[in-house]
């Protein structure tokens, strides 16, 4: 692993070297993430587990997966199919019975989804802040700022983004290099800045440079979570009233 060069692009991810076993032969190979090999690695340290998808017998077609749990349940396509079937039923009801049924068809599942996600999101936020606060912070430093320019095809304007790169050493001795695309004031001129890092002991990839902002965002998140099911209730009531 090496630190990205100041002023370079963030598109390639943090340069890493990874060892993995070919699933068909059990032979071990060592590869890098140069070129197009799946997801970008935006947080890395020596010894971190990184997912590698390798087709059987085609080790040169390996793809990096930053999230080790991604795709393991395999429910994405079945859920999408159920969603399409439901949309079709709502459209049919709206055409055959009248458009208020479409409003009800939107409001009922939206409300149920909001009521289910609200406590889930609150518990996840509480666990995150508790983990970030569970031990003293460590010092960190902005070692580079990566610059990328893209052209807006519709108007021809050039859009420039700046991504600070932070390094810090955990209490366990792991030296972490990570992109920090937001959360820093004046990111363009942040190279060399010292920062304070709060991270979760189980996964240093989950960290923040502003724990106070994490705590301040909770009331807003709760408010949004409450408003979402209320919108669904209002839609259901409106549709029922118009029948």
Protein backbone atom coordinates (compact mmCIF):
# COMPACT_ATOMS: atom_id res chain seq x y z
CA UNK A 1 0.00 0.00 0.00
CA UNK A 2 1.22 3.51 -0.80
CA UNK A 3 -0.13 7.00 -0.23
CA UNK A 4 -1.82 8.68 -3.21
CA UNK A 5 0.17 11.48 -4.80
CA UNK A 6 -0.99 15.01 -4.03
CA UNK A 7 -2.92 16.46 -6.97
CA UNK A 8 -3.55 13.10 -8.64
CA UNK A 9 -6.97 11.61 -9.37
CA UNK A 10 -9.14 9.75 -6.87
CA UNK A 11 -10.66 7.52 -9.55
CA UNK A 12 -8.17 4.68 -9.23
CA UNK A 13 -8.51 4.32 -5.47
CA UNK A 14 -5.73 3.86 -2.93
CA UNK A 15 -2.90 1.73 -4.43
CA UNK A 16 -2.87 -1.66 -2.71
CA UNK A 17 -1.36 -5.12 -3.19
CA UNK A 18 -3.66 -8.03 -2.29
CA UNK A 19 -3.11 -11.78 -1.99
CA UNK A 20 -5.95 -14.25 -2.68
CA UNK A 21 -6.50 -17.88 -3.54
CA UNK A 22 -7.90 -19.09 -6.87
CA UNK A 23 -11.17 -20.83 -5.87
CA UNK A 24 -10.70 -23.58 -8.46
CA UNK A 25 -7.10 -24.57 -7.67
CA UNK A 26 -6.40 -23.13 -4.23
CA UNK A 27 -3.26 -21.50 -5.61
CA UNK A 28 -2.36 -18.15 -4.06
CA UNK A 29 -1.82 -15.08 -6.22
CA UNK A 30 -0.71 -11.54 -5.45
CA UNK A 31 -2.28 -8.73 -7.47
CA UNK A 32 -2.64 -4.95 -7.40
CA UNK A 33 -5.56 -2.66 -8.12
CA UNK A 34 -3.87 -0.92 -11.05
CA UNK A 35 -6.36 -0.39 -13.87
CA UNK A 36 -10.04 -1.31 -13.85
CA UNK A 37 -10.52 -4.12 -11.33
CA UNK A 38 -13.90 -3.54 -9.72
CA UNK A 39 -14.66 -1.18 -6.87
CA UNK A 40 -12.27 1.54 -5.76
CA UNK A 41 -10.44 0.97 -2.50
CA UNK A 42 -11.04 4.18 -0.54
CA UNK A 43 -9.80 2.97 2.87
CA UNK A 44 -6.83 0.67 3.37
CA UNK A 45 -4.31 -0.57 5.91
CA UNK A 46 -1.89 -3.45 6.01
CA UNK A 47 -3.78 -6.59 7.01
CA UNK A 48 -7.24 -5.38 6.03
CA UNK A 49 -9.52 -8.00 4.46
CA UNK A 50 -10.69 -6.97 0.99
CA UNK A 51 -13.13 -8.99 -1.07
CA UNK A 52 -11.94 -10.43 -4.40
CA UNK A 53 -14.33 -12.00 -6.91
CA UNK A 54 -12.52 -14.36 -9.22
CA UNK A 55 -14.33 -16.43 -11.89
CA UNK A 56 -13.43 -20.10 -11.75
CA UNK A 57 -10.32 -20.71 -13.83
CA UNK A 58 -9.99 -17.02 -14.80
CA UNK A 59 -7.83 -15.47 -12.12
CA UNK A 60 -6.88 -12.55 -14.40
CA UNK A 61 -10.54 -11.44 -14.37
CA UNK A 62 -10.51 -10.72 -10.63
CA UNK A 63 -12.63 -7.87 -9.26
CA UNK A 64 -12.19 -6.09 -5.95
CA UNK A 65 -15.20 -5.73 -3.64
CA UNK A 66 -14.83 -3.15 -0.87
CA UNK A 67 -17.83 -4.54 1.09
CA UNK A 68 -17.27 -8.18 2.04
CA UNK A 69 -21.01 -8.67 2.67
CA UNK A 70 -22.13 -7.22 -0.66
CA UNK A 71 -24.16 -9.61 -2.76
CA UNK A 72 -24.02 -12.54 -0.33
CA UNK A 73 -27.76 -12.76 0.21
CA UNK A 74 -28.58 -12.48 -3.46
CA UNK A 75 -31.98 -10.83 -2.87
CA UNK A 76 -31.50 -7.81 -5.10
CA UNK A 77 -33.10 -9.20 -8.25
CA UNK A 78 -35.96 -11.04 -6.46
CA UNK A 79 -36.82 -7.85 -4.55
CA UNK A 80 -36.70 -5.84 -7.76
CA UNK A 81 -39.02 -8.38 -9.44
CA UNK A 82 -41.52 -8.10 -6.56
CA UNK A 83 -41.35 -4.30 -6.85
CA UNK A 84 -42.12 -4.44 -10.59
CA UNK A 85 -45.06 -6.77 -9.98
CA UNK A 86 -46.44 -4.42 -7.32
CA UNK A 87 -46.06 -1.39 -9.59
CA UNK A 88 -47.91 -3.26 -12.31
CA UNK A 89 -50.78 -4.05 -9.94
CA UNK A 90 -50.98 -0.41 -8.83
CA UNK A 91 -51.04 0.80 -12.43
CA UNK A 92 -53.74 -1.76 -13.29
CA UNK A 93 -55.85 -0.68 -10.30
CA UNK A 94 -55.45 2.98 -11.25
CA UNK A 95 -56.61 2.32 -14.83
CA UNK A 96 -59.43 -0.06 -13.94
CA UNK A 97 -60.73 1.45 -10.68
CA UNK A 98 -59.57 5.08 -10.83
CA UNK A 99 -56.43 7.07 -10.04
CA UNK A 100 -57.16 7.42 -6.25
CA UNK A 101 -56.17 3.75 -5.97
CA UNK A 102 -52.73 4.67 -7.29
CA UNK A 103 -52.40 7.21 -4.44
CA UNK A 104 -53.42 4.55 -1.93
CA UNK A 105 -51.07 2.05 -3.57
CA UNK A 106 -48.23 4.50 -3.04
CA UNK A 107 -49.17 5.60 0.48
CA UNK A 108 -49.64 2.21 2.16
CA UNK A 109 -46.26 0.60 1.33
CA UNK A 110 -44.47 3.94 1.80
CA UNK A 111 -45.90 4.20 5.32
CA UNK A 112 -45.03 0.61 6.19
CA UNK A 113 -41.50 1.04 4.87
CA UNK A 114 -41.02 4.26 6.85
CA UNK A 115 -42.31 2.71 10.07
CA UNK A 116 -39.95 -0.23 9.62
CA UNK A 117 -36.87 1.83 8.78
CA UNK A 118 -37.33 4.49 11.49
CA UNK A 119 -36.36 2.33 14.50
CA UNK A 120 -33.77 0.48 12.40
CA UNK A 121 -32.08 3.74 11.45
CA UNK A 122 -32.22 5.09 15.00
CA UNK A 123 -30.59 1.95 16.41
CA UNK A 124 -27.90 2.00 13.71
CA UNK A 125 -27.09 5.66 14.41
CA UNK A 126 -26.93 5.01 18.16
CA UNK A 127 -24.57 2.07 17.65
CA UNK A 128 -22.36 4.09 15.32
CA UNK A 129 -21.97 7.03 17.72
CA UNK A 130 -21.43 4.70 20.67
CA UNK A 131 -18.66 2.89 18.78
CA UNK A 132 -17.02 6.14 17.67
CA UNK A 133 -17.05 7.39 21.27
CA UNK A 134 -15.92 4.14 22.89
CA UNK A 135 -12.22 5.08 23.09
CA UNK A 136 -10.01 8.17 22.97
CA UNK A 137 -9.44 9.74 19.54
CA UNK A 138 -6.13 9.54 17.68
CA UNK A 139 -4.25 12.22 15.73
CA UNK A 140 -4.45 12.22 11.97
CA UNK A 141 -3.09 14.24 9.10
CA UNK A 142 -4.20 15.24 5.60
CA UNK A 143 -1.37 13.95 3.39
CA UNK A 144 -2.79 14.81 -0.03
CA UNK A 145 -5.70 16.42 -1.84
CA UNK A 146 -6.82 14.63 -4.99
CA UNK A 147 -8.26 16.67 -7.86
CA UNK A 148 -10.65 15.55 -10.59
CA UNK A 149 -12.25 17.57 -13.37
CA UNK A 150 -15.36 16.52 -15.27
CA UNK A 151 -17.16 18.28 -18.11
CA UNK A 152 -20.91 18.87 -17.93
CA UNK A 153 -22.07 17.67 -21.35
CA UNK A 154 -25.26 19.72 -21.26
CA UNK A 155 -23.60 23.11 -20.76
CA UNK A 156 -19.91 22.41 -21.32
CA UNK A 157 -18.89 23.61 -17.86
CA UNK A 158 -15.93 22.01 -16.11
CA UNK A 159 -16.67 20.74 -12.60
CA UNK A 160 -13.71 20.23 -10.26
CA UNK A 161 -13.83 18.07 -7.14
CA UNK A 162 -11.25 17.87 -4.35
CA UNK A 163 -10.84 14.78 -2.16
CA UNK A 164 -8.59 14.99 0.91
CA UNK A 165 -6.62 11.88 1.88
CA UNK A 166 -6.14 11.27 5.60
CA UNK A 167 -3.75 8.97 7.43
CA UNK A 168 -3.93 7.96 11.08
CA UNK A 169 -2.63 5.18 13.29
CA UNK A 170 -5.08 3.26 15.44
CA UNK A 171 -4.52 2.32 19.07
CA UNK A 172 -3.88 -1.21 17.80
CA UNK A 173 -1.01 -0.01 15.59
CA UNK A 174 -2.64 -0.12 12.15
CA UNK A 175 -1.78 2.79 9.87
CA UNK A 176 -4.93 3.72 7.94
CA UNK A 177 -5.05 5.67 4.68
CA UNK A 178 -8.52 6.87 3.66
CA UNK A 179 -10.36 9.26 1.39
CA UNK A 180 -12.35 11.95 3.22
CA UNK A 181 -14.59 13.48 0.51
CA UNK A 182 -16.62 15.57 2.99
CA UNK A 183 -16.49 16.82 6.56
CA UNK A 184 -13.39 19.04 6.24
CA UNK A 185 -13.50 22.81 5.95
CA UNK A 186 -11.66 24.27 2.94
CA UNK A 187 -10.65 20.88 1.49
CA UNK A 188 -8.68 22.50 -1.37
CA UNK A 189 -6.08 23.87 1.05
CA UNK A 190 -6.21 21.08 3.62
CA UNK A 191 -2.96 19.29 2.75
CA UNK A 192 -0.74 19.09 5.83
CA UNK A 193 -3.58 19.84 8.23
CA UNK A 194 -3.69 17.97 11.53
CA UNK A 195 -7.06 16.44 12.39
CA UNK A 196 -8.59 14.44 15.22
CA UNK A 197 -9.92 11.01 14.33
CA UNK A 198 -12.65 9.05 16.10
CA UNK A 199 -12.93 5.51 14.71
CA UNK A 200 -14.77 2.31 15.55
CA UNK A 201 -12.47 -0.32 17.13
CA UNK A 202 -13.97 -3.18 15.10
CA UNK A 203 -13.59 -1.41 11.76
CA UNK A 204 -11.26 1.62 11.35
CA UNK A 205 -12.88 2.25 7.95
CA UNK A 206 -15.75 3.77 9.95
CA UNK A 207 -14.33 7.03 11.26
CA UNK A 208 -15.09 10.73 11.54
CA UNK A 209 -13.15 13.95 11.88
CA UNK A 210 -16.09 15.69 13.55
CA UNK A 211 -17.88 13.64 16.21
CA UNK A 212 -19.91 16.67 17.31
CA UNK A 213 -21.39 16.96 13.81
CA UNK A 214 -22.33 13.27 13.93
CA UNK A 215 -24.26 13.91 17.14
CA UNK A 216 -25.91 17.06 15.76
CA UNK A 217 -27.16 15.21 12.68
CA UNK A 218 -29.22 12.71 14.72
CA UNK A 219 -32.21 15.01 15.42
CA UNK A 220 -32.44 15.88 11.72
CA UNK A 221 -32.26 12.21 10.74
CA UNK A 222 -35.01 11.37 13.22
CA UNK A 223 -37.18 14.21 11.91
CA UNK A 224 -36.78 13.01 8.32
CA UNK A 225 -37.57 9.47 9.44
CA UNK A 226 -40.80 10.64 11.08
CA UNK A 227 -41.88 12.82 8.16
CA UNK A 228 -41.47 10.00 5.61
CA UNK A 229 -44.24 7.71 6.98
CA UNK A 230 -46.45 10.75 7.60
CA UNK A 231 -46.28 11.50 3.88
CA UNK A 232 -47.42 7.94 3.20
CA UNK A 233 -50.30 8.25 5.68
CA UNK A 234 -51.38 11.52 4.08
CA UNK A 235 -51.32 9.91 0.62
CA UNK A 236 -53.39 6.95 1.82
CA UNK A 237 -55.95 9.21 3.51
CA UNK A 238 -56.19 11.42 0.43
CA UNK A 239 -56.71 8.45 -1.87
CA UNK A 240 -59.39 6.98 0.42
CA UNK A 241 -61.18 10.34 0.60
CA UNK A 242 -61.26 10.61 -3.18
CA UNK A 243 -62.81 7.17 -3.75
